[in-house]
């Protein structure tokens, strides 16, 4: 894939991240689009086939090729080669990607998470690792990791809640506890984490091209806390017109994260 193809994939299938990334310098946009395109490919691998074994082979392919590209420097025509080179050039540990691949193994299962801690870990390894890798590509101070992960957990949980109905239709069991009170409690946990991240990162304007992709998070989590039944009914959403104009307004004015 070329850098233009990376950008097109992200524009088509991850529009919020694509729009937010346009606030970055052109050279940084290319870096983010490569990362986000890889994330799409990894996430898609777990849904390659209704047969879990075939999807598992696809995830294993990612693990094997990450090793080949990083340790043995074997050539590859796939996005893996470019991703490894990008991470090495920016001194970013490849464990971030390996953990993302490992976490996606849950997507192959029809069983729920064993515990809330496992669910939190899944969101951290998928969303937290992605946000942190993006932040590192933009040159963030490395002592910001905890704040970025707190922010990412709130964003990831909001997205996870939004996908519950669809996941259930595919035979998955995304919720450990399905009572409204349990969903509300988890929503409050996500909101607390997100607010802490916002408070600590609001002055980090260099991170806006990564962070602004999650601008709907607060709206979604407020809905979960106010009416947790929307998670199970599939009615948790942000109206498209509100979403489009709201994002344009925030990104154009580059408002402080406190307004997200």
Protein backbone atom coordinates (compact mmCIF):
# COMPACT_ATOMS: atom_id res chain seq x y z
CA UNK A 1 0.00 0.00 0.00
CA UNK A 2 1.13 3.56 -0.71
CA UNK A 3 0.69 6.42 1.75
CA UNK A 4 -2.22 7.68 -0.34
CA UNK A 5 -3.86 4.27 -0.07
CA UNK A 6 -3.38 4.31 3.70
CA UNK A 7 -5.09 7.69 3.86
CA UNK A 8 -7.96 6.53 1.68
CA UNK A 9 -8.56 3.46 3.83
CA UNK A 10 -8.69 5.57 6.99
CA UNK A 11 -10.92 8.18 5.33
CA UNK A 12 -13.41 5.50 4.28
CA UNK A 13 -13.46 3.29 7.36
CA UNK A 14 -12.32 5.46 10.30
CA UNK A 15 -13.63 8.90 9.47
CA UNK A 16 -13.34 10.46 12.94
CA UNK A 17 -9.65 9.63 13.18
CA UNK A 18 -9.14 10.76 9.61
CA UNK A 19 -10.76 14.15 10.22
CA UNK A 20 -8.86 14.69 13.46
CA UNK A 21 -5.58 13.76 11.78
CA UNK A 22 -6.00 16.57 9.27
CA UNK A 23 -5.06 18.98 12.06
CA UNK A 24 -1.54 17.54 12.02
CA UNK A 25 1.33 18.56 9.75
CA UNK A 26 1.25 16.72 6.40
CA UNK A 27 4.25 14.56 7.35
CA UNK A 28 2.57 13.59 10.62
CA UNK A 29 -0.69 12.87 8.82
CA UNK A 30 1.09 10.18 6.81
CA UNK A 31 2.44 8.61 10.00
CA UNK A 32 -0.97 8.57 11.65
CA UNK A 33 -2.69 7.20 8.57
CA UNK A 34 -0.21 4.32 8.37
CA UNK A 35 -0.84 3.52 12.06
CA UNK A 36 -4.62 3.76 11.70
CA UNK A 37 -4.64 1.71 8.51
CA UNK A 38 -2.68 -1.02 10.31
CA UNK A 39 -5.18 -0.87 13.17
CA UNK A 40 -8.04 -1.38 10.71
CA UNK A 41 -6.27 -4.35 9.16
CA UNK A 42 -5.63 -5.94 12.56
CA UNK A 43 -9.21 -5.41 13.73
CA UNK A 44 -10.53 -6.77 10.43
CA UNK A 45 -8.37 -9.89 10.75
CA UNK A 46 -10.50 -11.17 13.61
CA UNK A 47 -13.60 -10.98 11.40
CA UNK A 48 -12.08 -12.46 8.25
CA UNK A 49 -14.25 -15.56 8.43
CA UNK A 50 -17.12 -16.97 10.49
CA UNK A 51 -14.69 -19.80 11.25
CA UNK A 52 -12.60 -18.72 14.27
CA UNK A 53 -9.66 -20.87 13.18
CA UNK A 54 -9.29 -18.97 9.90
CA UNK A 55 -9.41 -15.62 11.70
CA UNK A 56 -6.91 -16.92 14.24
CA UNK A 57 -4.55 -17.81 11.40
CA UNK A 58 -4.86 -14.25 10.11
CA UNK A 59 -3.97 -12.80 13.52
CA UNK A 60 -1.05 -15.20 13.77
CA UNK A 61 0.08 -13.97 10.34
CA UNK A 62 0.39 -10.49 11.84
CA UNK A 63 2.46 -11.77 14.76
CA UNK A 64 4.77 -13.74 12.48
CA UNK A 65 5.30 -10.88 10.05
CA UNK A 66 6.00 -8.38 12.81
CA UNK A 67 8.82 -10.67 13.94
CA UNK A 68 10.10 -11.20 10.39
CA UNK A 69 10.17 -7.49 9.65
CA UNK A 70 11.70 -6.38 12.97
CA UNK A 71 14.11 -9.19 13.86
CA UNK A 72 15.05 -10.71 10.52
CA UNK A 73 14.54 -7.64 8.31
CA UNK A 74 12.82 -9.78 5.71
CA UNK A 75 11.16 -7.82 2.93
CA UNK A 76 7.41 -7.63 2.86
CA UNK A 77 4.93 -6.11 0.45
CA UNK A 78 2.44 -5.68 3.25
CA UNK A 79 1.81 -2.71 5.52
CA UNK A 80 3.77 -4.51 8.27
CA UNK A 81 7.12 -3.55 6.74
CA UNK A 82 6.25 0.16 6.68
CA UNK A 83 4.77 0.03 10.16
CA UNK A 84 7.86 -1.59 11.67
CA UNK A 85 10.10 0.97 9.96
CA UNK A 86 7.92 3.80 11.26
CA UNK A 87 8.02 2.53 14.83
CA UNK A 88 11.77 1.98 14.75
CA UNK A 89 12.39 5.46 13.32
CA UNK A 90 10.35 7.01 16.14
CA UNK A 91 11.67 4.75 18.92
CA UNK A 92 8.23 3.26 19.58
CA UNK A 93 8.13 -0.26 21.03
CA UNK A 94 6.57 -2.86 18.74
CA UNK A 95 5.03 -4.45 21.83
CA UNK A 96 2.23 -1.89 21.41
CA UNK A 97 1.22 -3.54 18.13
CA UNK A 98 1.83 -7.08 19.35
CA UNK A 99 -0.46 -6.45 22.31
CA UNK A 100 -3.13 -5.04 20.00
CA UNK A 101 -2.98 -8.22 17.94
CA UNK A 102 -3.12 -10.43 21.04
CA UNK A 103 -6.10 -8.52 22.45
CA UNK A 104 -8.07 -9.09 19.24
CA UNK A 105 -8.11 -12.81 20.07
CA UNK A 106 -11.17 -12.03 22.22
CA UNK A 107 -13.03 -11.05 19.05
CA UNK A 108 -12.83 -14.68 17.95
CA UNK A 109 -14.72 -15.92 20.99
CA UNK A 110 -18.42 -16.17 21.82
CA UNK A 111 -17.68 -16.16 25.55
CA UNK A 112 -17.87 -13.01 27.66
CA UNK A 113 -14.83 -11.56 29.38
CA UNK A 114 -13.89 -13.50 32.51
CA UNK A 115 -13.93 -10.35 34.62
CA UNK A 116 -14.28 -6.60 34.39
CA UNK A 117 -10.50 -6.37 34.73
CA UNK A 118 -10.16 -8.45 31.56
CA UNK A 119 -12.60 -6.15 29.76
CA UNK A 120 -10.67 -3.08 30.90
CA UNK A 121 -7.43 -4.70 29.76
CA UNK A 122 -8.94 -5.43 26.32
CA UNK A 123 -9.94 -1.79 25.87
CA UNK A 124 -6.55 -0.59 27.08
CA UNK A 125 -4.62 -2.87 24.73
CA UNK A 126 -6.75 -1.98 21.72
CA UNK A 127 -7.64 1.69 22.27
CA UNK A 128 -4.99 2.63 24.83
CA UNK A 129 -2.13 1.26 22.75
CA UNK A 130 -3.46 2.91 19.60
CA UNK A 131 -3.83 6.34 21.20
CA UNK A 132 -0.44 6.08 22.87
CA UNK A 133 1.29 5.05 19.65
CA UNK A 134 -0.36 8.00 17.88
CA UNK A 135 0.75 10.34 20.65
CA UNK A 136 4.33 9.09 20.39
CA UNK A 137 4.30 9.69 16.64
CA UNK A 138 3.43 13.32 17.38
CA UNK A 139 6.33 13.65 19.80
CA UNK A 140 4.49 13.73 23.11
CA UNK A 141 6.46 13.69 26.35
CA UNK A 142 6.63 10.05 27.41
CA UNK A 143 5.54 10.81 30.95
CA UNK A 144 2.07 11.52 29.53
CA UNK A 145 1.31 7.84 28.96
CA UNK A 146 -0.98 7.38 31.96
CA UNK A 147 -3.10 10.40 31.01
CA UNK A 148 -3.35 9.34 27.37
CA UNK A 149 -4.44 5.86 28.43
CA UNK A 150 -7.07 7.25 30.79
CA UNK A 151 -8.44 9.36 27.96
CA UNK A 152 -8.32 6.40 25.59
CA UNK A 153 -10.14 4.12 28.03
CA UNK A 154 -13.12 6.47 28.17
CA UNK A 155 -13.12 6.76 24.38
CA UNK A 156 -12.74 3.02 23.90
CA UNK A 157 -15.48 2.18 26.36
CA UNK A 158 -17.89 4.57 24.63
CA UNK A 159 -17.16 2.89 21.30
CA UNK A 160 -17.50 -0.54 22.88
CA UNK A 161 -20.90 0.35 24.32
CA UNK A 162 -21.98 1.60 20.88
CA UNK A 163 -21.05 -1.76 19.34
CA UNK A 164 -22.79 -4.02 21.89
CA UNK A 165 -25.95 -4.62 19.86
CA UNK A 166 -24.00 -5.42 16.70
CA UNK A 167 -21.63 -7.72 18.56
CA UNK A 168 -24.57 -9.60 20.06
CA UNK A 169 -26.09 -10.02 16.60
CA UNK A 170 -22.84 -11.73 15.59
CA UNK A 171 -23.07 -14.20 18.45
CA UNK A 172 -20.72 -12.40 20.84
CA UNK A 173 -21.33 -11.73 24.52
CA UNK A 174 -19.71 -8.34 25.11
CA UNK A 175 -21.24 -7.56 28.48
CA UNK A 176 -20.20 -9.41 31.63
CA UNK A 177 -23.19 -8.10 33.56
CA UNK A 178 -26.24 -6.95 31.62
CA UNK A 179 -28.22 -5.15 34.31
CA UNK A 180 -28.79 -1.45 33.80
CA UNK A 181 -27.08 -0.71 37.10
CA UNK A 182 -23.94 -2.61 36.06
CA UNK A 183 -23.82 -0.82 32.70
CA UNK A 184 -24.33 2.53 34.41
CA UNK A 185 -21.54 1.78 36.90
CA UNK A 186 -19.13 0.90 34.10
CA UNK A 187 -20.17 4.05 32.24
CA UNK A 188 -19.31 6.15 35.31
CA UNK A 189 -15.92 4.48 35.49
CA UNK A 190 -15.29 5.39 31.85
CA UNK A 191 -16.43 8.97 32.38
CA UNK A 192 -14.16 9.40 35.40
CA UNK A 193 -11.19 8.07 33.45
CA UNK A 194 -11.95 10.25 30.42
CA UNK A 195 -12.39 13.40 32.52
CA UNK A 196 -9.05 12.80 34.22
CA UNK A 197 -7.42 12.43 30.84
CA UNK A 198 -9.05 15.61 29.53
CA UNK A 199 -7.96 17.59 32.57
CA UNK A 200 -4.36 16.48 32.24
CA UNK A 201 -4.10 16.82 28.46
CA UNK A 202 -6.07 19.96 27.67
CA UNK A 203 -2.88 22.00 27.26
CA UNK A 204 -1.22 19.44 24.97
CA UNK A 205 -2.25 21.00 21.68
CA UNK A 206 0.20 18.89 19.71
CA UNK A 207 -1.98 15.89 20.59
CA UNK A 208 -5.23 17.32 19.23
CA UNK A 209 -4.86 15.44 15.90
CA UNK A 210 -5.05 12.21 17.92
CA UNK A 211 -7.34 13.17 20.78
CA UNK A 212 -10.08 14.97 18.87
CA UNK A 213 -11.14 11.74 17.19
CA UNK A 214 -12.87 10.92 20.49
CA UNK A 215 -14.91 14.10 20.76
CA UNK A 216 -18.24 12.21 20.92
CA UNK A 217 -17.11 10.24 23.98
CA UNK A 218 -18.59 12.49 26.63
CA UNK A 219 -21.96 12.68 24.86
CA UNK A 220 -22.14 8.89 24.56
CA UNK A 221 -21.09 8.17 28.14
CA UNK A 222 -23.60 10.71 29.45
CA UNK A 223 -26.30 8.78 27.60
CA UNK A 224 -25.09 5.50 29.11
CA UNK A 225 -25.18 6.92 32.63
CA UNK A 226 -28.57 8.58 32.16
CA UNK A 227 -30.23 5.73 30.27
CA UNK A 228 -28.12 2.54 30.30
CA UNK A 229 -30.82 0.58 28.46
CA UNK A 230 -29.72 2.34 25.24
CA UNK A 231 -26.62 0.12 25.24
CA UNK A 232 -28.64 -3.10 25.00
CA UNK A 233 -31.26 -1.66 22.65
CA UNK A 234 -28.66 -0.31 20.22
CA UNK A 235 -30.00 3.24 20.51
CA UNK A 236 -26.77 4.73 21.82
CA UNK A 237 -25.59 7.20 19.20
CA UNK A 238 -24.77 10.76 18.23
CA UNK A 239 -26.97 12.24 15.53
CA UNK A 240 -25.05 12.56 12.26
CA UNK A 241 -25.82 16.24 11.76
CA UNK A 242 -24.74 17.03 15.32
CA UNK A 243 -21.62 14.95 14.85
CA UNK A 244 -20.57 16.60 11.59
CA UNK A 245 -21.14 20.19 12.66
CA UNK A 246 -19.82 19.63 16.15
CA UNK A 247 -16.56 18.18 14.89
CA UNK A 248 -16.14 20.94 12.30
CA UNK A 249 -16.74 23.61 14.94
CA UNK A 250 -14.25 22.16 17.40
CA UNK A 251 -11.53 21.37 14.90
CA UNK A 252 -11.79 24.71 13.10
CA UNK A 253 -11.53 26.72 16.29
CA UNK A 254 -9.13 24.25 17.91
CA UNK A 255 -10.98 24.54 21.18
CA UNK A 256 -9.54 23.36 24.46
CA UNK A 257 -10.15 19.71 25.30
CA UNK A 258 -12.25 20.87 28.22
CA UNK A 259 -15.07 21.47 25.72
CA UNK A 260 -15.10 17.91 24.38
